[in-house]
C-alpha cells in the first residue's frame, strides 16, 4: 500500500509502522515488553488506577462532557430493577436488576484514540490544508461526523458519528498491557501549577533514578486527581484550572525527548497531560494543545488522562521502585474516539 499522504508533518513518524498502521507506538509494546512488565511483579499487590467514573462531577473541566446517567431498563413498561419474576410466573423466585448508561466516553479516567486529535495540514502537498489524522487518515472518509438530520437530544441527533479508522478498538485489540514507569512530579512540584520543561523533567528522572526505555508506558503523578476527589463532585473551576503540574507542550526539547525516548504512551492523573497554554504562540498557525498534536496526530502516542495514580505512586516511592505491570484496556467499542478505563497496576 502507498502512503495516503505526499508529505508528512515535521517531527512525525507517519509510515514508520506501515502506511495503514493504526496502533502507533503501541507497536513497541511487544511480547518482550509484556514479559518485562510481568517481571516487575514482586509483591502481588494491585492498585486500581481509575477514578469513580462519576468524578469529577459537573461539567467544569469540559462543558461538553457530562457525568454518566444511569437508569433501569424497562420490562413491560416498568423499571426492570428489583423486579420479581413472580410477577410473570408465581413459580419463579428470581429478582432481577438491569440498567443502562448514557456515558460521555472521556468524562473521567480515559484513553484518547488517534481519532481524537487531528490537524489542518497539507498532506497532499498542493498548498491546501485538509483535515487529517495520524498516518494521513482523512476526515469524512475515515473519521466521519454524522449527518445533522436527526432531531431530539444531541446524542440522538448526531448518532452515526464514527471513526472508521483509528478508533479506540485498535488499542483494545492490542491488549494495552506492558511495563509501566512512574514519574512522580507531585514529589518535586507538590500542587503548584507549573508547566514542567525538558530540563526540569530530566532533573526529576535523574534524582529519582527513573529510566525510560522503548515501549514503556509512562505515567505522570501530579496530584490533580487527589484534588478532584477532595472536592467530592463539587468542582471549583478556579481551583481546578490553577493547581498541579503538567508537561510543557511548548518546549520543543521536551517534545523531541518524547519522540527519542520511544515511550509507547503517556498517562497522567491531570486533565490533559500537558498544561494547556492560555497565551498565543509563534509561529502561526499552531496547535492550541501542542503536546496532543505531537503525540496523537504526529506520532501515534496514546494519551491517558484523569487516572488515579496516588496509591501506586506512594507505594513505589516507599519501596524505592518506579516500574510495575500495567494492564489498561479501553472498551472494545468500534468507532469511538475515546474510552473510559479501569486500569490495574500490579507490583
Protein backbone atom coordinates (compact mmCIF):
# COMPACT_ATOMS: atom_id res chain seq x y z
CA UNK A 1 0.00 0.00 0.00
CA UNK A 2 1.18 3.51 -0.80
CA UNK A 3 1.04 6.19 1.89
CA UNK A 4 -2.15 8.26 1.90
CA UNK A 5 0.00 11.39 2.12
CA UNK A 6 2.63 13.06 -0.05
CA UNK A 7 4.23 14.96 2.80
CA UNK A 8 4.05 14.28 6.48
CA UNK A 9 4.15 16.81 9.34
CA UNK A 10 7.60 17.85 10.61
CA UNK A 11 8.58 15.76 13.62
CA UNK A 12 6.13 12.99 12.80
CA UNK A 13 6.66 9.25 12.36
CA UNK A 14 3.97 8.60 9.76
CA UNK A 15 4.74 5.42 7.88
CA UNK A 16 7.17 4.03 10.46
CA UNK A 17 4.89 1.08 11.18
CA UNK A 18 3.43 0.87 7.68
CA UNK A 19 1.07 3.03 5.62
CA UNK A 20 -2.08 1.53 7.16
CA UNK A 21 -0.90 1.44 10.78
CA UNK A 22 -3.50 2.37 13.40
CA UNK A 23 -1.63 1.34 16.57
CA UNK A 24 1.22 3.83 16.55
CA UNK A 25 3.83 3.48 19.24
CA UNK A 26 1.87 0.71 20.94
CA UNK A 27 3.56 -1.42 18.28
CA UNK A 28 6.60 -1.15 20.56
CA UNK A 29 4.72 -2.96 23.33
CA UNK A 30 5.83 -6.38 22.18
CA UNK A 31 5.69 -9.77 23.88
CA UNK A 32 9.09 -8.95 25.36
CA UNK A 33 7.72 -5.72 26.88
CA UNK A 34 4.79 -7.62 28.40
CA UNK A 35 7.26 -10.06 29.96
CA UNK A 36 9.28 -7.13 31.29
CA UNK A 37 6.12 -5.86 32.95
CA UNK A 38 5.35 -9.25 34.44
CA UNK A 39 8.91 -9.42 35.78
CA UNK A 40 8.18 -6.29 37.85
CA UNK A 41 5.55 -8.16 39.89
CA UNK A 42 7.23 -8.93 43.21
CA UNK A 43 4.60 -8.41 45.92
CA UNK A 44 1.38 -9.40 44.16
CA UNK A 45 -0.31 -6.14 45.20
CA UNK A 46 -2.77 -4.49 42.80
CA UNK A 47 -3.83 -0.86 42.52
CA UNK A 48 -6.97 0.39 40.79
CA UNK A 49 -5.92 3.39 38.71
CA UNK A 50 -9.38 4.70 37.86
CA UNK A 51 -11.37 7.45 39.47
CA UNK A 52 -15.03 6.63 40.10
CA UNK A 53 -16.46 7.32 36.65
CA UNK A 54 -18.95 9.90 38.01
CA UNK A 55 -16.00 12.12 39.01
CA UNK A 56 -15.02 14.97 38.68
CA UNK A 57 -18.71 15.90 38.90
CA UNK A 58 -20.46 18.59 36.93
CA UNK A 59 -19.01 19.93 33.69
CA UNK A 60 -16.43 22.43 34.96
CA UNK A 61 -13.41 20.75 33.38
CA UNK A 62 -15.10 20.47 30.00
CA UNK A 63 -18.60 21.92 29.36
CA UNK A 64 -19.15 19.43 26.51
CA UNK A 65 -18.70 16.42 28.79
CA UNK A 66 -21.38 15.40 31.27
CA UNK A 67 -21.48 12.92 34.15
CA UNK A 68 -22.86 9.45 33.41
CA UNK A 69 -26.61 8.94 33.66
CA UNK A 70 -27.71 5.55 34.98
CA UNK A 71 -31.23 4.26 34.52
CA UNK A 72 -33.08 0.96 34.69
CA UNK A 73 -34.03 -0.90 31.56
CA UNK A 74 -37.75 -1.44 31.05
CA UNK A 75 -39.74 -4.63 31.36
CA UNK A 76 -43.35 -4.46 30.34
CA UNK A 77 -43.27 -0.68 30.73
CA UNK A 78 -41.92 -0.88 34.29
CA UNK A 79 -38.44 -0.48 35.71
CA UNK A 80 -36.54 -3.72 35.32
CA UNK A 81 -34.93 -3.15 38.72
CA UNK A 82 -35.60 -5.16 41.88
CA UNK A 83 -38.12 -6.84 39.62
CA UNK A 84 -39.55 -10.13 40.96
CA UNK A 85 -40.06 -12.61 38.17
CA UNK A 86 -43.02 -13.88 40.21
CA UNK A 87 -44.93 -11.06 38.57
CA UNK A 88 -44.63 -13.08 35.37
CA UNK A 89 -44.75 -16.57 36.87
CA UNK A 90 -45.51 -17.23 40.56
CA UNK A 91 -43.26 -20.29 40.49
CA UNK A 92 -40.14 -18.14 39.99
CA UNK A 93 -38.16 -16.82 42.96
CA UNK A 94 -35.72 -14.68 40.97
CA UNK A 95 -35.44 -10.93 41.40
CA UNK A 96 -33.75 -9.08 38.53
CA UNK A 97 -32.00 -5.71 38.20
CA UNK A 98 -30.77 -4.46 34.83
CA UNK A 99 -29.61 -0.99 33.83
CA UNK A 100 -28.18 1.18 31.09
CA UNK A 101 -25.93 4.25 30.99
CA UNK A 102 -25.56 7.37 28.89
CA UNK A 103 -21.82 7.85 29.15
CA UNK A 104 -19.54 10.58 27.87
CA UNK A 105 -16.57 8.43 26.95
CA UNK A 106 -13.90 10.95 28.01
CA UNK A 107 -15.55 12.39 31.12
CA UNK A 108 -13.38 10.69 33.75
CA UNK A 109 -10.45 8.24 33.65
CA UNK A 110 -9.91 7.75 29.94
CA UNK A 111 -7.84 6.86 26.91
CA UNK A 112 -7.61 9.10 23.83
CA UNK A 113 -7.64 7.38 20.46
CA UNK A 114 -5.80 8.72 17.41
CA UNK A 115 -9.14 9.91 16.02
CA UNK A 116 -9.48 12.30 18.98
CA UNK A 117 -6.99 14.89 17.67
CA UNK A 118 -6.30 15.74 14.05
CA UNK A 119 -4.94 18.80 12.30
CA UNK A 120 -5.43 21.01 9.27
CA UNK A 121 -2.30 20.07 7.38
CA UNK A 122 -1.28 19.99 3.73
CA UNK A 123 -0.75 16.25 3.45
CA UNK A 124 -1.32 16.30 -0.33
CA UNK A 125 1.45 18.83 -0.97
CA UNK A 126 -0.83 21.01 -3.07
CA UNK A 127 -0.74 24.10 -0.88
CA UNK A 128 -4.17 23.45 0.65
CA UNK A 129 -4.62 22.32 4.23
CA UNK A 130 -7.08 19.46 4.73
CA UNK A 131 -8.30 17.80 7.93
CA UNK A 132 -6.15 14.75 8.52
CA UNK A 133 -5.31 12.44 11.39
CA UNK A 134 -2.43 10.16 12.35
CA UNK A 135 -0.80 8.43 9.38
CA UNK A 136 -2.79 10.56 6.94
CA UNK A 137 -6.26 9.16 7.61
CA UNK A 138 -8.86 11.64 6.38
CA UNK A 139 -11.86 13.41 7.82
CA UNK A 140 -15.03 12.45 6.00
CA UNK A 141 -13.68 9.19 4.61
CA UNK A 142 -12.02 7.63 7.66
CA UNK A 143 -13.24 9.78 10.56
CA UNK A 144 -16.80 10.86 9.85
CA UNK A 145 -19.15 13.27 11.58
CA UNK A 146 -22.79 12.18 11.50
CA UNK A 147 -25.40 13.74 9.21
CA UNK A 148 -27.20 16.55 11.03
CA UNK A 149 -30.66 15.39 10.02
CA UNK A 150 -31.97 13.81 13.21
CA UNK A 151 -33.95 15.69 15.81
CA UNK A 152 -34.00 15.24 19.57
CA UNK A 153 -31.24 15.10 22.18
CA UNK A 154 -27.70 15.76 20.95
CA UNK A 155 -26.72 12.12 21.36
CA UNK A 156 -29.57 11.09 19.07
CA UNK A 157 -29.28 13.97 16.63
CA UNK A 158 -25.70 13.17 15.78
CA UNK A 159 -25.89 9.40 16.12
CA UNK A 160 -23.72 7.77 13.49
CA UNK A 161 -20.51 9.67 14.20
CA UNK A 162 -17.76 7.13 13.74
CA UNK A 163 -14.05 6.67 13.36
CA UNK A 164 -13.93 4.09 10.60
CA UNK A 165 -10.17 4.18 11.16
CA UNK A 166 -8.14 5.00 14.29
CA UNK A 167 -10.99 4.11 16.69
CA UNK A 168 -10.22 3.10 20.27
CA UNK A 169 -10.86 -0.56 19.43
CA UNK A 170 -7.37 -0.71 17.93
CA UNK A 171 -5.84 -0.13 21.35
CA UNK A 172 -8.24 -2.61 22.94
CA UNK A 173 -7.36 -5.30 20.43
CA UNK A 174 -3.65 -4.75 21.03
CA UNK A 175 -4.16 -5.55 24.71
CA UNK A 176 -2.85 -2.38 26.42
CA UNK A 177 -0.66 -4.33 28.80
CA UNK A 178 3.05 -3.87 29.42
CA UNK A 179 5.64 -2.29 31.68
CA UNK A 180 4.54 0.91 33.37
CA UNK A 181 7.01 3.50 34.63
CA UNK A 182 6.07 6.15 37.20
CA UNK A 183 7.36 9.73 37.15
CA UNK A 184 6.42 11.39 40.45
CA UNK A 185 6.03 15.08 39.58
CA UNK A 186 4.00 15.68 42.74
CA UNK A 187 7.02 14.86 44.91
CA UNK A 188 9.00 17.64 43.25
CA UNK A 189 6.37 20.29 42.48
CA UNK A 190 3.59 19.48 45.01
CA UNK A 191 0.33 21.13 43.91
CA UNK A 192 1.94 24.15 42.30
CA UNK A 193 0.50 25.00 38.89
CA UNK A 194 3.56 24.55 36.74
CA UNK A 195 4.40 23.56 33.18
CA UNK A 196 7.33 21.14 33.51
CA UNK A 197 10.08 21.78 30.98
CA UNK A 198 12.55 19.35 29.45
CA UNK A 199 15.34 20.45 31.80
CA UNK A 200 13.11 20.04 34.85
CA UNK A 201 11.88 16.64 33.73
CA UNK A 202 15.42 15.42 33.16
CA UNK A 203 16.33 16.56 36.66
CA UNK A 204 13.38 14.63 38.11
CA UNK A 205 14.36 11.48 36.22
CA UNK A 206 17.96 11.78 37.42
CA UNK A 207 17.08 12.44 41.06
CA UNK A 208 14.56 9.60 41.20
CA UNK A 209 16.68 7.21 39.11
CA UNK A 210 13.93 6.71 36.54
CA UNK A 211 14.91 5.19 33.21
CA UNK A 212 12.54 5.22 30.24
CA UNK A 213 13.08 2.58 27.56
CA UNK A 214 11.41 1.91 24.23
CA UNK A 215 7.89 0.53 24.66
CA UNK A 216 7.42 1.70 28.25
CA UNK A 217 4.01 3.02 29.31
CA UNK A 218 4.88 6.22 31.16
CA UNK A 219 2.71 7.59 33.99
CA UNK A 220 2.90 11.10 35.48
CA UNK A 221 1.64 11.59 39.04
CA UNK A 222 0.80 15.26 39.70
CA UNK A 223 -1.80 15.09 42.49
CA UNK A 224 -4.60 16.52 40.34
CA UNK A 225 -6.87 13.51 40.82
CA UNK A 226 -6.48 13.92 44.59
CA UNK A 227 -7.88 17.44 44.31
CA UNK A 228 -10.81 16.13 42.26
CA UNK A 229 -11.67 13.55 44.92
CA UNK A 230 -11.35 16.09 47.73
CA UNK A 231 -13.94 18.31 46.03
CA UNK A 232 -16.49 15.47 46.26
CA UNK A 233 -18.14 16.11 42.87
CA UNK A 234 -18.48 19.85 43.55
CA UNK A 235 -15.59 21.07 41.38
CA UNK A 236 -14.24 24.57 41.89
CA UNK A 237 -13.26 25.92 38.44
CA UNK A 238 -10.73 28.42 39.77
CA UNK A 239 -9.01 25.74 41.84
CA UNK A 240 -9.04 23.04 39.17
CA UNK A 241 -7.67 25.33 36.49
CA UNK A 242 -4.96 26.65 38.79
CA UNK A 243 -3.48 23.61 40.51
CA UNK A 244 -0.86 20.90 39.97
CA UNK A 245 1.79 20.40 37.34
CA UNK A 246 1.81 19.00 33.82
CA UNK A 247 4.16 18.85 30.88
CA UNK A 248 5.11 21.97 28.92
CA UNK A 249 3.86 21.17 25.45
CA UNK A 250 5.55 24.26 24.01
CA UNK A 251 9.01 23.05 24.98
CA UNK A 252 10.45 21.75 21.71
CA UNK A 253 13.16 19.79 23.52
CA UNK A 254 10.54 18.05 25.65
CA UNK A 255 8.59 17.05 22.56
CA UNK A 256 11.79 15.78 20.96
CA UNK A 257 12.53 13.73 24.08
CA UNK A 258 9.09 12.13 23.83
CA UNK A 259 10.00 11.10 20.28
CA UNK A 260 13.55 10.00 21.07
CA UNK A 261 12.65 8.03 24.22
CA UNK A 262 10.41 5.72 22.16
CA UNK A 263 7.89 5.54 25.01
CA UNK A 264 4.68 3.81 24.00
CA UNK A 265 2.11 6.07 25.65
CA UNK A 266 1.82 8.98 28.10
CA UNK A 267 -0.57 8.84 31.04
CA UNK A 268 -1.33 11.40 33.75
CA UNK A 269 -3.73 11.99 36.61
CA UNK A 270 -4.39 15.52 35.37
CA UNK A 271 -6.82 16.85 32.79
CA UNK A 272 -4.70 16.87 29.64
CA UNK A 273 -1.20 15.54 30.46
CA UNK A 274 0.10 18.94 29.32
CA UNK A 275 -0.60 22.34 30.83
CA UNK A 276 -2.78 23.84 28.09
CA UNK A 277 -1.32 27.22 27.05
CA UNK A 278 -3.54 30.26 27.52
CA UNK A 279 -1.45 32.74 25.53
CA UNK A 280 -0.70 33.00 21.83
CA UNK A 281 2.32 31.20 20.45
CA UNK A 282 4.57 31.80 17.48
CA UNK A 283 4.80 30.88 14.67
CA UNK A 284 1.24 30.78 13.39
CA UNK A 285 -0.74 28.72 12.64
CA UNK A 286 -0.13 26.50 15.63
CA UNK A 287 -1.87 23.92 17.79
CA UNK A 288 -3.71 25.05 20.91
CA UNK A 289 -2.62 21.78 22.55
CA UNK A 290 0.89 21.21 21.19
CA UNK A 291 1.65 18.05 23.15
CA UNK A 292 -1.61 16.49 21.98
CA UNK A 293 -0.72 17.36 18.41
CA UNK A 294 2.80 15.97 18.77
CA UNK A 295 1.71 12.74 20.45
CA UNK A 296 -1.64 11.79 18.93
CA UNK A 297 -1.57 13.42 15.49
CA UNK A 298 2.11 13.29 14.61
CA UNK A 299 3.49 10.21 16.37
CA UNK A 300 0.66 7.86 17.27
CA UNK A 301 1.18 8.05 21.02
CA UNK A 302 -1.96 7.40 23.06
CA UNK A 303 -2.66 9.76 25.96
CA UNK A 304 -4.36 8.67 29.16
CA UNK A 305 -5.96 11.37 31.30
CA UNK A 306 -7.50 11.70 34.76
CA UNK A 307 -6.09 8.42 36.03
CA UNK A 308 -5.86 7.83 39.77
CA UNK A 309 -2.17 7.22 40.48
CA UNK A 310 -1.85 8.25 44.13
CA UNK A 311 -1.71 4.93 45.96
CA UNK A 312 0.59 3.38 43.38
CA UNK A 313 2.96 6.36 43.31
CA UNK A 314 3.24 6.44 47.10
CA UNK A 315 3.85 2.69 47.33
CA UNK A 316 6.52 2.80 44.64
CA UNK A 317 8.35 5.68 46.35
CA UNK A 318 8.19 3.98 49.75
CA UNK A 319 9.73 0.87 48.24
CA UNK A 320 12.36 2.56 46.08
CA UNK A 321 10.73 1.45 42.82
CA UNK A 322 9.23 3.10 39.77
CA UNK A 323 8.29 0.17 37.49
CA UNK A 324 5.25 -2.11 37.53
CA UNK A 325 2.95 -4.23 35.38
CA UNK A 326 0.24 -2.07 33.82
CA UNK A 327 -2.96 -3.56 32.43
CA UNK A 328 -5.24 -0.89 30.96
CA UNK A 329 -7.59 -1.99 28.17
CA UNK A 330 -10.17 0.51 26.92
CA UNK A 331 -13.64 -0.54 25.82
CA UNK A 332 -13.63 -2.51 22.59
CA UNK A 333 -16.12 -0.07 21.11
CA UNK A 334 -15.61 0.20 17.35
CA UNK A 335 -15.52 3.73 16.03
CA UNK A 336 -15.17 5.50 19.39
CA UNK A 337 -12.60 8.30 19.66
CA UNK A 338 -12.02 7.72 23.36
CA UNK A 339 -12.89 5.33 26.14
CA UNK A 340 -13.22 5.12 29.90
CA UNK A 341 -10.75 2.78 31.52
CA UNK A 342 -10.30 0.91 34.77
CA UNK A 343 -6.56 0.28 34.69
CA UNK A 344 -4.83 -2.04 37.13
CA UNK A 345 -1.20 -1.81 38.26
CA UNK A 346 0.46 -4.85 39.80
CA UNK A 347 3.69 -4.57 41.81
